[in-house]
Amino acid sequence: MPQPMEFWFTAGSTYTYLTVNRLEAAAADAGVAFSMRPFNLGLLFREAGYWPFPEGAAKTAYMWRDIARRAARQGLQPRLPAPYPAPDVALANRIALVMIAEGRGMEWLKSSYREWFENGHAPGTDTAVERGLRALGADPAAVLARANAPETQAAFDAATAEARRLGVFGSPMLRVREELFWGDDRLEDALAEARRD
């Protein structure tokens, strides 16, 4: 029987856009169950004194072109470059915690990324939250109240502490058994590990 897989992510990760749009189908085809684990990657970057895609860097320009190529192969049509970095990713991640508890975590992530990569509204902004939640038929005020509750913040902090302990350093990152797989291009490797006897 395949091992379960953990999907560690931040809603402000550019490459996670690709994974969000193919993870469910790929996992279902492989017969692998996965759980969603949002965490505060920005905090871990700050602790490390590191930022992966600085404005104006050749690496950043490459990242946008790379995502555009890979998105096209998936039949996606993002408008790139998208606003980056997003100003309030932590809120988008806490909303993910709320929606995961309702069994709608992937729906929220897909909606949030549509707003960001297709409509130009960065995650966590008022417009992105309002439009992203209403697209799911959710009440933005009610979801925001839960996302901003102390217990949700505590759960988010605990998840970030666990990510730090496990050595999770990027998004998307997939964990199977004790193995970590970083990046959208490692999804198939993670699924193969989950199916390994």
C-alpha atoms as a PDB file:
ATOM      1  CA  MET A   1       0.000   0.000   0.000  1.00  0.00           C
ATOM      2  CA  PRO A   2       1.446   3.424  -0.917  1.00  0.00           C
ATOM      3  CA  GLN A   3       2.793   5.592   1.864  1.00  0.00           C
ATOM      4  CA  PRO A   4       1.060   8.938   2.546  1.00  0.00           C
ATOM      5  CA  MET A   5       2.716  12.126   1.342  1.00  0.00           C
ATOM      6  CA  GLU A   6       2.902  15.560   2.970  1.00  0.00           C
ATOM      7  CA  PHE A   7       2.628  18.617   0.740  1.00  0.00           C
ATOM      8  CA  TRP A   8       4.489  21.476   2.439  1.00  0.00           C
ATOM      9  CA  PHE A   9       3.834  24.856   0.855  1.00  0.00           C
ATOM     10  CA  THR A  10       3.491  28.577   1.157  1.00  0.00           C
ATOM     11  CA  ALA A  11       0.799  30.321  -0.871  1.00  0.00           C
ATOM     12  CA  GLY A  12       3.401  32.906  -1.912  1.00  0.00           C
ATOM     13  CA  SER A  13       5.677  30.457  -3.747  1.00  0.00           C
ATOM     14  CA  THR A  14       5.841  30.952  -7.490  1.00  0.00           C
ATOM     15  CA  TYR A  15       6.718  27.371  -8.468  1.00  0.00           C
ATOM     16  CA  THR A  16       3.999  26.004  -6.191  1.00  0.00           C
ATOM     17  CA  TYR A  17       1.513  27.356  -8.761  1.00  0.00           C
ATOM     18  CA  LEU A  18       2.554  24.493 -11.042  1.00  0.00           C
ATOM     19  CA  THR A  19       2.241  21.828  -8.357  1.00  0.00           C
ATOM     20  CA  VAL A  20      -1.154  23.039  -7.165  1.00  0.00           C
ATOM     21  CA  ASN A  21      -2.530  22.581 -10.664  1.00  0.00           C
ATOM     22  CA  ARG A  22      -1.345  18.989 -11.075  1.00  0.00           C
ATOM     23  CA  LEU A  23      -0.913  17.440  -7.639  1.00  0.00           C
ATOM     24  CA  GLU A  24      -4.407  16.073  -7.130  1.00  0.00           C
ATOM     25  CA  ALA A  25      -4.551  14.269 -10.488  1.00  0.00           C
ATOM     26  CA  ALA A  26      -0.998  12.938 -10.223  1.00  0.00           C
ATOM     27  CA  ALA A  27      -1.533  11.663  -6.684  1.00  0.00           C
ATOM     28  CA  ALA A  28      -4.860  10.059  -7.609  1.00  0.00           C
ATOM     29  CA  ASP A  29      -3.286   8.310 -10.611  1.00  0.00           C
ATOM     30  CA  ALA A  30      -0.541   6.967  -8.326  1.00  0.00           C
ATOM     31  CA  GLY A  31      -2.998   5.973  -5.598  1.00  0.00           C
ATOM     32  CA  VAL A  32      -1.164   8.195  -3.090  1.00  0.00           C
ATOM     33  CA  ALA A  33      -2.981  10.154  -0.384  1.00  0.00           C
ATOM     34  CA  PHE A  34      -1.518  13.498   0.618  1.00  0.00           C
ATOM     35  CA  SER A  35      -1.995  16.033   3.387  1.00  0.00           C
ATOM     36  CA  MET A  36      -1.565  19.798   3.033  1.00  0.00           C
ATOM     37  CA  ARG A  37       0.915  21.594   5.310  1.00  0.00           C
ATOM     38  CA  PRO A  38       1.069  25.399   4.966  1.00  0.00           C
ATOM     39  CA  PHE A  39       3.953  27.064   6.787  1.00  0.00           C
ATOM     40  CA  ASN A  40       5.728  30.406   7.080  1.00  0.00           C
ATOM     41  CA  LEU A  41       8.533  30.043   4.551  1.00  0.00           C
ATOM     42  CA  GLY A  42       9.186  33.783   4.578  1.00  0.00           C
ATOM     43  CA  LEU A  43      10.126  33.567   8.253  1.00  0.00           C
ATOM     44  CA  LEU A  44      12.574  30.744   7.536  1.00  0.00           C
ATOM     45  CA  PHE A  45      14.113  32.779   4.711  1.00  0.00           C
ATOM     46  CA  ARG A  46      14.520  35.754   7.041  1.00  0.00           C
ATOM     47  CA  GLU A  47      16.139  33.550   9.655  1.00  0.00           C
ATOM     48  CA  ALA A  48      18.583  32.311   7.012  1.00  0.00           C
ATOM     49  CA  GLY A  49      19.261  35.829   5.686  1.00  0.00           C
ATOM     50  CA  TYR A  50      18.236  34.633   2.236  1.00  0.00           C
ATOM     51  CA  TRP A  51      15.769  35.514  -0.517  1.00  0.00           C
ATOM     52  CA  PRO A  52      15.553  33.211  -3.550  1.00  0.00           C
ATOM     53  CA  PHE A  53      14.426  35.601  -6.287  1.00  0.00           C
ATOM     54  CA  PRO A  54      15.629  39.189  -5.767  1.00  0.00           C
ATOM     55  CA  GLU A  55      14.150  41.888  -7.950  1.00  0.00           C
ATOM     56  CA  GLY A  56      16.113  42.502 -11.132  1.00  0.00           C
ATOM     57  CA  ALA A  57      18.249  39.361 -10.840  1.00  0.00           C
ATOM     58  CA  ALA A  58      18.899  37.127 -13.841  1.00  0.00           C
ATOM     59  CA  LYS A  59      17.699  34.166 -11.751  1.00  0.00           C
ATOM     60  CA  THR A  60      14.351  35.894 -11.194  1.00  0.00           C
ATOM     61  CA  ALA A  61      13.873  36.555 -14.909  1.00  0.00           C
ATOM     62  CA  TYR A  62      14.718  32.914 -15.577  1.00  0.00           C
ATOM     63  CA  MET A  63      12.202  31.780 -12.949  1.00  0.00           C
ATOM     64  CA  TRP A  64       9.333  33.596 -14.669  1.00  0.00           C
ATOM     65  CA  ARG A  65      10.316  32.219 -18.084  1.00  0.00           C
ATOM     66  CA  ASP A  66      10.679  28.708 -16.672  1.00  0.00           C
ATOM     67  CA  ILE A  67       7.240  28.846 -15.065  1.00  0.00           C
ATOM     68  CA  ALA A  68       5.732  30.141 -18.315  1.00  0.00           C
ATOM     69  CA  ARG A  69       7.177  27.201 -20.277  1.00  0.00           C
ATOM     70  CA  ARG A  70       6.079  24.618 -17.735  1.00  0.00           C
ATOM     71  CA  ALA A  71       2.627  26.200 -17.354  1.00  0.00           C
ATOM     72  CA  ALA A  72       2.097  26.072 -21.114  1.00  0.00           C
ATOM     73  CA  ARG A  73       2.762  22.322 -21.071  1.00  0.00           C
ATOM     74  CA  GLN A  74      -0.016  22.004 -18.479  1.00  0.00           C
ATOM     75  CA  GLY A  75      -2.425  24.069 -20.570  1.00  0.00           C
ATOM     76  CA  LEU A  76      -2.266  26.971 -18.083  1.00  0.00           C
ATOM     77  CA  GLN A  77      -2.208  30.593 -19.216  1.00  0.00           C
ATOM     78  CA  PRO A  78      -0.713  32.751 -16.443  1.00  0.00           C
ATOM     79  CA  ARG A  79      -0.011  36.454 -16.950  1.00  0.00           C
ATOM     80  CA  LEU A  80       3.643  36.739 -15.997  1.00  0.00           C
ATOM     81  CA  PRO A  81       5.472  38.213 -14.269  1.00  0.00           C
ATOM     82  CA  ALA A  82       2.910  38.208 -11.472  1.00  0.00           C
ATOM     83  CA  PRO A  83       3.208  40.672  -8.564  1.00  0.00           C
ATOM     84  CA  TYR A  84       6.101  39.421  -6.428  1.00  0.00           C
ATOM     85  CA  PRO A  85       6.808  39.106  -3.580  1.00  0.00           C
ATOM     86  CA  ALA A  86       3.284  39.035  -2.190  1.00  0.00           C
ATOM     87  CA  PRO A  87       2.714  41.420   0.737  1.00  0.00           C
ATOM     88  CA  ASP A  88       0.662  39.236   3.112  1.00  0.00           C
ATOM     89  CA  VAL A  89       1.270  35.602   2.288  1.00  0.00           C
ATOM     90  CA  ALA A  90       0.840  34.625   5.948  1.00  0.00           C
ATOM     91  CA  LEU A  91      -2.852  35.535   5.737  1.00  0.00           C
ATOM     92  CA  ALA A  92      -3.317  33.433   2.598  1.00  0.00           C
ATOM     93  CA  ASN A  93      -1.660  30.531   4.415  1.00  0.00           C
ATOM     94  CA  ARG A  94      -3.853  30.915   7.505  1.00  0.00           C
ATOM     95  CA  ILE A  95      -6.886  30.929   5.215  1.00  0.00           C
ATOM     96  CA  ALA A  96      -5.506  27.688   3.774  1.00  0.00           C
ATOM     97  CA  LEU A  97      -5.526  26.201   7.287  1.00  0.00           C
ATOM     98  CA  VAL A  98      -9.180  27.173   7.687  1.00  0.00           C
ATOM     99  CA  MET A  99     -10.136  25.770   4.298  1.00  0.00           C
ATOM    100  CA  ILE A 100      -8.143  22.561   4.855  1.00  0.00           C
ATOM    101  CA  ALA A 101     -10.205  21.992   8.009  1.00  0.00           C
ATOM    102  CA  GLU A 102     -13.314  22.265   5.812  1.00  0.00           C
ATOM    103  CA  GLY A 103     -11.922  19.823   3.251  1.00  0.00           C
ATOM    104  CA  ARG A 104     -11.476  22.598   0.685  1.00  0.00           C
ATOM    105  CA  GLY A 105      -7.788  23.364   0.962  1.00  0.00           C
ATOM    106  CA  MET A 106      -6.855  22.607  -2.647  1.00  0.00           C
ATOM    107  CA  GLU A 107      -9.884  24.530  -3.881  1.00  0.00           C
ATOM    108  CA  TRP A 108      -8.659  27.577  -1.972  1.00  0.00           C
ATOM    109  CA  LEU A 109      -5.100  27.254  -3.211  1.00  0.00           C
ATOM    110  CA  LYS A 110      -6.204  26.958  -6.822  1.00  0.00           C
ATOM    111  CA  SER A 111      -8.522  29.943  -6.434  1.00  0.00           C
ATOM    112  CA  SER A 112      -5.794  31.992  -4.743  1.00  0.00           C
ATOM    113  CA  TYR A 113      -3.295  31.178  -7.495  1.00  0.00           C
ATOM    114  CA  ARG A 114      -5.824  32.030 -10.203  1.00  0.00           C
ATOM    115  CA  GLU A 115      -6.236  35.449  -8.630  1.00  0.00           C
ATOM    116  CA  TRP A 116      -2.474  35.886  -8.415  1.00  0.00           C
ATOM    117  CA  PHE A 117      -1.158  34.393 -11.654  1.00  0.00           C
ATOM    118  CA  GLU A 118      -4.122  35.033 -13.945  1.00  0.00           C
ATOM    119  CA  ASN A 119      -5.743  38.186 -12.532  1.00  0.00           C
ATOM    120  CA  GLY A 120      -2.750  39.959 -10.980  1.00  0.00           C
ATOM    121  CA  HIS A 121      -3.991  40.081  -7.370  1.00  0.00           C
ATOM    122  CA  ALA A 122      -1.240  39.010  -4.973  1.00  0.00           C
ATOM    123  CA  PRO A 123      -2.174  36.487  -2.264  1.00  0.00           C
ATOM    124  CA  GLY A 124      -3.276  37.975   1.022  1.00  0.00           C
ATOM    125  CA  THR A 125      -4.401  41.283  -0.490  1.00  0.00           C
ATOM    126  CA  ASP A 126      -7.982  42.366   0.142  1.00  0.00           C
ATOM    127  CA  THR A 127      -8.979  41.879  -3.503  1.00  0.00           C
ATOM    128  CA  ALA A 128      -7.378  38.450  -3.818  1.00  0.00           C
ATOM    129  CA  VAL A 129      -8.953  37.198  -0.597  1.00  0.00           C
ATOM    130  CA  GLU A 130     -12.402  38.560  -1.380  1.00  0.00           C
ATOM    131  CA  ARG A 131     -12.484  37.298  -4.962  1.00  0.00           C
ATOM    132  CA  GLY A 132     -10.762  34.013  -4.185  1.00  0.00           C
ATOM    133  CA  LEU A 133     -13.171  33.079  -1.407  1.00  0.00           C
ATOM    134  CA  ARG A 134     -16.294  34.284  -3.192  1.00  0.00           C
ATOM    135  CA  ALA A 135     -15.324  32.140  -6.196  1.00  0.00           C
ATOM    136  CA  LEU A 136     -15.680  29.162  -3.859  1.00  0.00           C
ATOM    137  CA  GLY A 137     -19.006  30.347  -2.464  1.00  0.00           C
ATOM    138  CA  ALA A 138     -17.382  31.045   0.907  1.00  0.00           C
ATOM    139  CA  ASP A 139     -18.187  33.999   3.168  1.00  0.00           C
ATOM    140  CA  PRO A 140     -14.985  36.110   3.262  1.00  0.00           C
ATOM    141  CA  ALA A 141     -15.828  37.757   6.598  1.00  0.00           C
ATOM    142  CA  ALA A 142     -16.461  34.433   8.309  1.00  0.00           C
ATOM    143  CA  VAL A 143     -13.314  32.822   6.885  1.00  0.00           C
ATOM    144  CA  LEU A 144     -11.187  35.852   7.781  1.00  0.00           C
ATOM    145  CA  ALA A 145     -12.468  35.794  11.346  1.00  0.00           C
ATOM    146  CA  ARG A 146     -11.295  32.203  11.685  1.00  0.00           C
ATOM    147  CA  ALA A 147      -8.016  32.839   9.829  1.00  0.00           C
ATOM    148  CA  ASN A 148      -7.195  35.719  12.204  1.00  0.00           C
ATOM    149  CA  ALA A 149      -8.170  33.838  15.358  1.00  0.00           C
ATOM    150  CA  PRO A 150      -5.388  33.160  17.889  1.00  0.00           C
ATOM    151  CA  GLU A 151      -5.796  29.405  17.565  1.00  0.00           C
ATOM    152  CA  THR A 152      -5.214  29.560  13.803  1.00  0.00           C
ATOM    153  CA  GLN A 153      -2.102  31.663  14.292  1.00  0.00           C
ATOM    154  CA  ALA A 154      -0.895  29.171  16.891  1.00  0.00           C
ATOM    155  CA  ALA A 155      -1.444  26.271  14.476  1.00  0.00           C
ATOM    156  CA  PHE A 156       0.433  28.146  11.748  1.00  0.00           C
ATOM    157  CA  ASP A 157       3.328  28.853  14.114  1.00  0.00           C
ATOM    158  CA  ALA A 158       3.410  25.191  15.161  1.00  0.00           C
ATOM    159  CA  ALA A 159       3.489  24.057  11.530  1.00  0.00           C
ATOM    160  CA  THR A 160       6.378  26.430  10.842  1.00  0.00           C
ATOM    161  CA  ALA A 161       8.272  25.082  13.841  1.00  0.00           C
ATOM    162  CA  GLU A 162       7.716  21.543  12.558  1.00  0.00           C
ATOM    163  CA  ALA A 163       8.919  22.541   9.088  1.00  0.00           C
ATOM    164  CA  ARG A 164      12.076  23.982  10.660  1.00  0.00           C
ATOM    165  CA  ARG A 165      12.623  20.759  12.638  1.00  0.00           C
ATOM    166  CA  LEU A 166      12.132  18.555   9.572  1.00  0.00           C
ATOM    167  CA  GLY A 167      14.508  20.606   7.435  1.00  0.00           C
ATOM    168  CA  VAL A 168      11.817  21.891   5.082  1.00  0.00           C
ATOM    169  CA  PHE A 169      13.411  24.883   3.359  1.00  0.00           C
ATOM    170  CA  GLY A 170      11.337  25.613   0.259  1.00  0.00           C
ATOM    171  CA  SER A 171       7.997  25.331  -1.476  1.00  0.00           C
ATOM    172  CA  PRO A 172       6.690  23.127  -2.872  1.00  0.00           C
ATOM    173  CA  MET A 173       8.270  20.398  -0.780  1.00  0.00           C
ATOM    174  CA  LEU A 174       6.921  16.876  -0.548  1.00  0.00           C
ATOM    175  CA  ARG A 175       7.737  14.515   2.306  1.00  0.00           C
ATOM    176  CA  VAL A 176       7.396  10.745   2.121  1.00  0.00           C
ATOM    177  CA  ARG A 177       8.602   8.677   5.055  1.00  0.00           C
ATOM    178  CA  GLU A 178      11.684  10.725   6.051  1.00  0.00           C
ATOM    179  CA  GLU A 179      12.563  11.736   2.479  1.00  0.00           C
ATOM    180  CA  LEU A 180      12.160  15.313   1.231  1.00  0.00           C
ATOM    181  CA  PHE A 181      11.560  16.260  -2.400  1.00  0.00           C
ATOM    182  CA  TRP A 182      11.881  19.948  -3.292  1.00  0.00           C
ATOM    183  CA  GLY A 183      10.303  21.558  -6.322  1.00  0.00           C
ATOM    184  CA  ASP A 184       7.497  20.887  -8.753  1.00  0.00           C
ATOM    185  CA  ASP A 185       9.868  18.828 -10.896  1.00  0.00           C
ATOM    186  CA  ARG A 186      10.323  16.358  -8.030  1.00  0.00           C
ATOM    187  CA  LEU A 187       6.632  15.461  -7.734  1.00  0.00           C
ATOM    188  CA  GLU A 188       7.039  12.242  -9.708  1.00  0.00           C
ATOM    189  CA  ASP A 189      10.041  11.233  -7.579  1.00  0.00           C
ATOM    190  CA  ALA A 190       7.995  11.753  -4.416  1.00  0.00           C
ATOM    191  CA  LEU A 191       5.117   9.675  -5.774  1.00  0.00           C
ATOM    192  CA  ALA A 192       7.523   6.916  -6.762  1.00  0.00           C
ATOM    193  CA  GLU A 193       8.936   6.933  -3.221  1.00  0.00           C
ATOM    194  CA  ALA A 194       5.401   6.683  -1.819  1.00  0.00           C
ATOM    195  CA  ARG A 195       4.774   3.595  -3.947  1.00  0.00           C
ATOM    196  CA  ARG A 196       8.111   1.942  -3.144  1.00  0.00           C
ATOM    197  CA  ASP A 197       7.859  -1.309  -1.159  1.00  0.00           C
END
